[in-house]
Structures are given as structure tokens and as C-alpha cells.
Amino acid sequence: MGPRWKGKAAEVKVLADPISEILSQLQSSLIGSNSRGLLSGTSVLLKADAELTDRLNRACFGRSKNWVVRSGCRCGVDFVAYRHHPALVHSEYAVLVLSAQDGNANGRLRVWSDFHCTLRLCGSVAKTLLVLDIEKQQSCAASPSCLDNYIVEERTITRWSP
């Protein structure tokens, strides 16, 4: 299933300005401007000029293999993933994150009815369910440099009709 565009001109606009190019421009701008930020809790406050602000807005600021990731609470999942900017395309994936270390502490997808309900909801909003099982290999403080210590198993689940 390909992208579901929002409006007739959205596909043309995306093909002319893909998210991968936007992220590349953003990265170049951040490196070239020698930007600095102020750490405030788990957020970073960044002083940005108008051009950098525009690039941040166009990229929806995130690092996800050129996918834009947003909260999925409206769809009953952890995240939704967009192939392009959310203003131009509907999300393609509804993402659930499970962890073996927690013994699936979030309590989802334990019985068949959980799968069935989640798949029906995803189907009603035209999304493919993507389940991510996360396993930590070794103990590490919570920092981006520790991402190599995790194994992520991805599974897409679609509704089965006999």
C-alpha cells in the first residue's frame, strides 16, 4: 500500500522536496551554523534564525530513517509513522513498542482479542500495525550513544480475512 496523499498537489510537492533532502539540508545548516543549545530537562532549547526554523518545521524534527514519527494516542498505539511531512500525507504505520525486559509491562497484545481489537482499529484508520520488540543487550545509561546496545525486532501485522 502506497502513501495516501492529502490533496491533489501533495504528491507533486513531496516528489519535488522529499523528506530525505529536507533532513540533509537541516543537518548541513546545523553543522554550518555552529549551533548551540541549552539543555532543559529532556529538551534542548536552540536559538535559530528564520531559515533554520523553516527547515526544522519542514522536517518535523526527528531522526527515524527519513520517517516522521508522531504520537499515536489518537489511534490507540504508541506512535504513527509518516513517509513524508504529516501535512501532505496520512501516516502509513501504527507502531506499538514492546519490551521483553519489562515482561510486556504495558499489557498489550497478550491475548488474541488484544490483537484483533488493535488490528481492527488500525484497519479502520488505514494503517499497517508495526510491532517493535526491544531487547537491551547490556546495561547503559539513557543516552543516544547507548542505542547500539539494543536489538529491535520489527513485525508488520495485517488483518487476516479467511
C-alpha atoms as a PDB file:
ATOM      1  CA  MET A   1       0.000   0.000   0.000  1.00  0.00           C
ATOM      2  CA  GLY A   2       1.456   3.341  -1.020  1.00  0.00           C
ATOM      3  CA  PRO A   3       1.059   6.746   0.595  1.00  0.00           C
ATOM      4  CA  ARG A   4      -2.411   8.272   0.935  1.00  0.00           C
ATOM      5  CA  TRP A   5      -1.962  11.913  -0.080  1.00  0.00           C
ATOM      6  CA  LYS A   6      -3.755  14.864   1.495  1.00  0.00           C
ATOM      7  CA  GLY A   7      -4.910  16.852  -1.505  1.00  0.00           C
ATOM      8  CA  LYS A   8      -4.111  16.736  -5.202  1.00  0.00           C
ATOM      9  CA  ALA A   9      -0.912  18.784  -5.130  1.00  0.00           C
ATOM     10  CA  ALA A  10       0.665  16.963  -2.156  1.00  0.00           C
ATOM     11  CA  GLU A  11       2.333  14.204  -4.194  1.00  0.00           C
ATOM     12  CA  VAL A  12       3.898  16.706  -6.604  1.00  0.00           C
ATOM     13  CA  LYS A  13       5.160  18.826  -3.699  1.00  0.00           C
ATOM     14  CA  VAL A  14       6.691  15.806  -1.910  1.00  0.00           C
ATOM     15  CA  LEU A  15       8.414  14.499  -5.022  1.00  0.00           C
ATOM     16  CA  ALA A  16       9.909  17.939  -5.593  1.00  0.00           C
ATOM     17  CA  ASP A  17      11.073  18.266  -1.954  1.00  0.00           C
ATOM     18  CA  PRO A  18      11.478  14.801  -0.305  1.00  0.00           C
ATOM     19  CA  ILE A  19      11.933  14.471   3.457  1.00  0.00           C
ATOM     20  CA  SER A  20      15.409  12.941   2.953  1.00  0.00           C
ATOM     21  CA  GLU A  21      16.549  16.121   1.197  1.00  0.00           C
ATOM     22  CA  ILE A  22      14.964  18.299   3.899  1.00  0.00           C
ATOM     23  CA  LEU A  23      16.817  16.360   6.621  1.00  0.00           C
ATOM     24  CA  SER A  24      20.079  16.634   4.695  1.00  0.00           C
ATOM     25  CA  GLN A  25      19.620  20.416   4.370  1.00  0.00           C
ATOM     26  CA  LEU A  26      18.775  20.647   8.076  1.00  0.00           C
ATOM     27  CA  GLN A  27      21.881  18.708   9.058  1.00  0.00           C
ATOM     28  CA  SER A  28      24.072  20.915   6.847  1.00  0.00           C
ATOM     29  CA  SER A  29      22.508  24.065   8.318  1.00  0.00           C
ATOM     30  CA  LEU A  30      23.102  22.898  11.891  1.00  0.00           C
ATOM     31  CA  ILE A  31      26.723  21.980  11.186  1.00  0.00           C
ATOM     32  CA  GLY A  32      27.417  25.155   9.198  1.00  0.00           C
ATOM     33  CA  SER A  33      25.897  27.498  11.751  1.00  0.00           C
ATOM     34  CA  ASN A  34      27.864  26.014  14.668  1.00  0.00           C
ATOM     35  CA  SER A  35      24.567  25.929  16.603  1.00  0.00           C
ATOM     36  CA  ARG A  36      24.477  25.590  20.350  1.00  0.00           C
ATOM     37  CA  GLY A  37      21.623  24.627  22.599  1.00  0.00           C
ATOM     38  CA  LEU A  38      20.616  24.930  26.231  1.00  0.00           C
ATOM     39  CA  LEU A  39      19.722  21.650  27.942  1.00  0.00           C
ATOM     40  CA  SER A  40      16.448  21.987  29.851  1.00  0.00           C
ATOM     41  CA  GLY A  41      15.336  18.684  31.379  1.00  0.00           C
ATOM     42  CA  THR A  42      14.980  16.289  28.455  1.00  0.00           C
ATOM     43  CA  SER A  43      14.662  19.103  25.886  1.00  0.00           C
ATOM     44  CA  VAL A  44      17.205  21.293  24.158  1.00  0.00           C
ATOM     45  CA  LEU A  45      16.432  24.956  23.563  1.00  0.00           C
ATOM     46  CA  LEU A  46      18.018  26.069  20.301  1.00  0.00           C
ATOM     47  CA  LYS A  47      18.400  29.603  19.006  1.00  0.00           C
ATOM     48  CA  ALA A  48      17.515  29.529  15.302  1.00  0.00           C
ATOM     49  CA  ASP A  49      17.190  32.102  12.548  1.00  0.00           C
ATOM     50  CA  ALA A  50      14.182  32.148  10.173  1.00  0.00           C
ATOM     51  CA  GLU A  51      15.787  29.779   7.623  1.00  0.00           C
ATOM     52  CA  LEU A  52      16.733  27.182  10.240  1.00  0.00           C
ATOM     53  CA  THR A  53      13.305  27.476  11.867  1.00  0.00           C
ATOM     54  CA  ASP A  54      11.663  26.800   8.500  1.00  0.00           C
ATOM     55  CA  ARG A  55      13.837  23.699   7.970  1.00  0.00           C
ATOM     56  CA  LEU A  56      13.052  22.429  11.470  1.00  0.00           C
ATOM     57  CA  ASN A  57       9.326  22.883  10.834  1.00  0.00           C
ATOM     58  CA  ARG A  58       9.513  21.176   7.420  1.00  0.00           C
ATOM     59  CA  ALA A  59      11.412  18.227   8.891  1.00  0.00           C
ATOM     60  CA  CYS A  60       9.133  17.907  11.955  1.00  0.00           C
ATOM     61  CA  PHE A  61      12.464  17.401  13.720  1.00  0.00           C
ATOM     62  CA  GLY A  62      13.247  13.765  14.274  1.00  0.00           C
ATOM     63  CA  ARG A  63      15.701  11.007  13.418  1.00  0.00           C
ATOM     64  CA  SER A  64      13.920   7.920  12.121  1.00  0.00           C
ATOM     65  CA  LYS A  65      15.439   6.706   8.832  1.00  0.00           C
ATOM     66  CA  ASN A  66      13.651   9.530   6.969  1.00  0.00           C
ATOM     67  CA  TRP A  67      10.282   8.746   8.572  1.00  0.00           C
ATOM     68  CA  VAL A  68       8.425  11.347  10.605  1.00  0.00           C
ATOM     69  CA  VAL A  69       7.244   9.898  13.917  1.00  0.00           C
ATOM     70  CA  ARG A  70       4.427  11.402  15.961  1.00  0.00           C
ATOM     71  CA  SER A  71       2.332  10.359  18.968  1.00  0.00           C
ATOM     72  CA  GLY A  72      -0.191   7.629  18.201  1.00  0.00           C
ATOM     73  CA  CYS A  73      -2.528   8.140  21.150  1.00  0.00           C
ATOM     74  CA  ARG A  74      -5.435   9.027  18.821  1.00  0.00           C
ATOM     75  CA  CYS A  75      -5.071   5.607  17.145  1.00  0.00           C
ATOM     76  CA  GLY A  76      -4.550   3.579  20.345  1.00  0.00           C
ATOM     77  CA  VAL A  77      -0.837   2.946  19.680  1.00  0.00           C
ATOM     78  CA  ASP A  78       2.468   4.434  20.816  1.00  0.00           C
ATOM     79  CA  PHE A  79       3.405   6.189  17.564  1.00  0.00           C
ATOM     80  CA  VAL A  80       2.332   6.743  13.976  1.00  0.00           C
ATOM     81  CA  ALA A  81       4.921   6.948  11.182  1.00  0.00           C
ATOM     82  CA  TYR A  82       4.695   9.184   8.121  1.00  0.00           C
ATOM     83  CA  ARG A  83       6.727   8.664   4.952  1.00  0.00           C
ATOM     84  CA  HIS A  84       6.577  12.415   4.221  1.00  0.00           C
ATOM     85  CA  HIS A  85       5.508  15.572   6.051  1.00  0.00           C
ATOM     86  CA  PRO A  86       2.256  14.990   8.015  1.00  0.00           C
ATOM     87  CA  ALA A  87       0.611  17.991   6.353  1.00  0.00           C
ATOM     88  CA  LEU A  88       0.944  16.245   2.977  1.00  0.00           C
ATOM     89  CA  VAL A  89       0.321  12.554   3.640  1.00  0.00           C
ATOM     90  CA  HIS A  90      -1.564  10.308   6.063  1.00  0.00           C
ATOM     91  CA  SER A  91       0.549   8.062   8.289  1.00  0.00           C
ATOM     92  CA  GLU A  92       1.203   4.563   6.963  1.00  0.00           C
ATOM     93  CA  TYR A  93       2.110   2.722  10.166  1.00  0.00           C
ATOM     94  CA  ALA A  94       0.646   2.465  13.642  1.00  0.00           C
ATOM     95  CA  VAL A  95       3.551   1.498  15.920  1.00  0.00           C
ATOM     96  CA  LEU A  96       3.457  -0.442  19.193  1.00  0.00           C
ATOM     97  CA  VAL A  97       6.674  -0.724  21.227  1.00  0.00           C
ATOM     98  CA  LEU A  98       7.039  -3.794  23.444  1.00  0.00           C
ATOM     99  CA  SER A  99       9.931  -4.717  25.707  1.00  0.00           C
ATOM    100  CA  ALA A 100      10.929  -8.225  26.768  1.00  0.00           C
ATOM    101  CA  GLN A 101      12.779  -6.775  29.801  1.00  0.00           C
ATOM    102  CA  ASP A 102       9.530  -5.420  31.245  1.00  0.00           C
ATOM    103  CA  GLY A 103       7.711  -8.688  30.683  1.00  0.00           C
ATOM    104  CA  ASN A 104       5.438  -6.671  28.379  1.00  0.00           C
ATOM    105  CA  ALA A 105       4.581  -4.352  31.274  1.00  0.00           C
ATOM    106  CA  ASN A 106       2.372  -2.193  29.091  1.00  0.00           C
ATOM    107  CA  GLY A 107      -0.070  -5.130  28.995  1.00  0.00           C
ATOM    108  CA  ARG A 108      -0.857  -5.018  25.296  1.00  0.00           C
ATOM    109  CA  LEU A 109      -1.082  -7.864  22.804  1.00  0.00           C
ATOM    110  CA  ARG A 110      -1.149 -10.581  25.468  1.00  0.00           C
ATOM    111  CA  VAL A 111      -4.219 -12.428  24.176  1.00  0.00           C
ATOM    112  CA  TRP A 112      -5.824 -12.944  20.771  1.00  0.00           C
ATOM    113  CA  SER A 113      -8.586 -10.406  21.456  1.00  0.00           C
ATOM    114  CA  ASP A 114      -5.910  -7.709  22.004  1.00  0.00           C
ATOM    115  CA  PHE A 115      -4.502  -8.441  18.536  1.00  0.00           C
ATOM    116  CA  HIS A 116      -7.961  -8.497  16.990  1.00  0.00           C
ATOM    117  CA  CYS A 117      -9.051  -5.172  18.512  1.00  0.00           C
ATOM    118  CA  THR A 118      -5.783  -3.434  17.655  1.00  0.00           C
ATOM    119  CA  LEU A 119      -5.858  -4.717  14.070  1.00  0.00           C
ATOM    120  CA  ARG A 120      -9.489  -3.654  13.616  1.00  0.00           C
ATOM    121  CA  LEU A 121      -8.645  -0.163  14.857  1.00  0.00           C
ATOM    122  CA  CYS A 122      -5.598   0.060  12.565  1.00  0.00           C
ATOM    123  CA  GLY A 123      -7.671  -1.171   9.639  1.00  0.00           C
ATOM    124  CA  SER A 124     -10.401   1.394  10.289  1.00  0.00           C
ATOM    125  CA  VAL A 125      -7.849   4.226  10.054  1.00  0.00           C
ATOM    126  CA  ALA A 126      -5.992   2.615   7.081  1.00  0.00           C
ATOM    127  CA  LYS A 127      -2.710   1.898   8.848  1.00  0.00           C
ATOM    128  CA  THR A 128      -0.458  -1.153   8.992  1.00  0.00           C
ATOM    129  CA  LEU A 129       0.395  -2.292  12.514  1.00  0.00           C
ATOM    130  CA  LEU A 130       4.137  -2.308  13.177  1.00  0.00           C
ATOM    131  CA  VAL A 131       5.160  -4.067  16.391  1.00  0.00           C
ATOM    132  CA  LEU A 132       8.665  -3.367  17.687  1.00  0.00           C
ATOM    133  CA  ASP A 133      10.121  -5.775  20.251  1.00  0.00           C
ATOM    134  CA  ILE A 134      13.035  -4.086  22.027  1.00  0.00           C
ATOM    135  CA  GLU A 135      15.710  -6.051  23.863  1.00  0.00           C
ATOM    136  CA  LYS A 136      18.532  -4.432  25.836  1.00  0.00           C
ATOM    137  CA  GLN A 137      21.862  -6.249  25.425  1.00  0.00           C
ATOM    138  CA  GLN A 138      23.760  -4.646  28.293  1.00  0.00           C
ATOM    139  CA  SER A 139      23.234  -2.063  30.984  1.00  0.00           C
ATOM    140  CA  CYS A 140      23.775   1.522  29.885  1.00  0.00           C
ATOM    141  CA  ALA A 141      22.733   4.993  30.962  1.00  0.00           C
ATOM    142  CA  ALA A 142      19.982   6.579  28.909  1.00  0.00           C
ATOM    143  CA  SER A 143      21.904   8.438  26.219  1.00  0.00           C
ATOM    144  CA  PRO A 144      21.953   8.353  22.419  1.00  0.00           C
ATOM    145  CA  SER A 145      25.368   6.639  22.447  1.00  0.00           C
ATOM    146  CA  CYS A 146      23.742   3.591  24.082  1.00  0.00           C
ATOM    147  CA  LEU A 147      21.430   2.863  21.133  1.00  0.00           C
ATOM    148  CA  ASP A 148      23.882   0.254  19.828  1.00  0.00           C
ATOM    149  CA  ASN A 149      23.171  -1.818  22.959  1.00  0.00           C
ATOM    150  CA  TYR A 150      19.593  -2.554  21.856  1.00  0.00           C
ATOM    151  CA  ILE A 151      18.189  -5.104  19.418  1.00  0.00           C
ATOM    152  CA  VAL A 152      14.920  -4.206  17.704  1.00  0.00           C
ATOM    153  CA  GLU A 153      12.800  -6.878  16.053  1.00  0.00           C
ATOM    154  CA  GLU A 154      10.199  -5.467  13.665  1.00  0.00           C
ATOM    155  CA  ARG A 155       6.972  -7.207  12.670  1.00  0.00           C
ATOM    156  CA  THR A 156       4.187  -5.883  10.487  1.00  0.00           C
ATOM    157  CA  ILE A 157       0.811  -7.381  11.234  1.00  0.00           C
ATOM    158  CA  THR A 158      -2.153  -7.082   8.927  1.00  0.00           C
ATOM    159  CA  ARG A 159      -5.712  -8.203   9.389  1.00  0.00           C
ATOM    160  CA  TRP A 160      -6.421 -11.704   8.193  1.00  0.00           C
ATOM    161  CA  SER A 161      -9.656 -12.385   6.343  1.00  0.00           C
ATOM    162  CA  PRO A 162     -10.348 -16.064   5.565  1.00  0.00           C
END
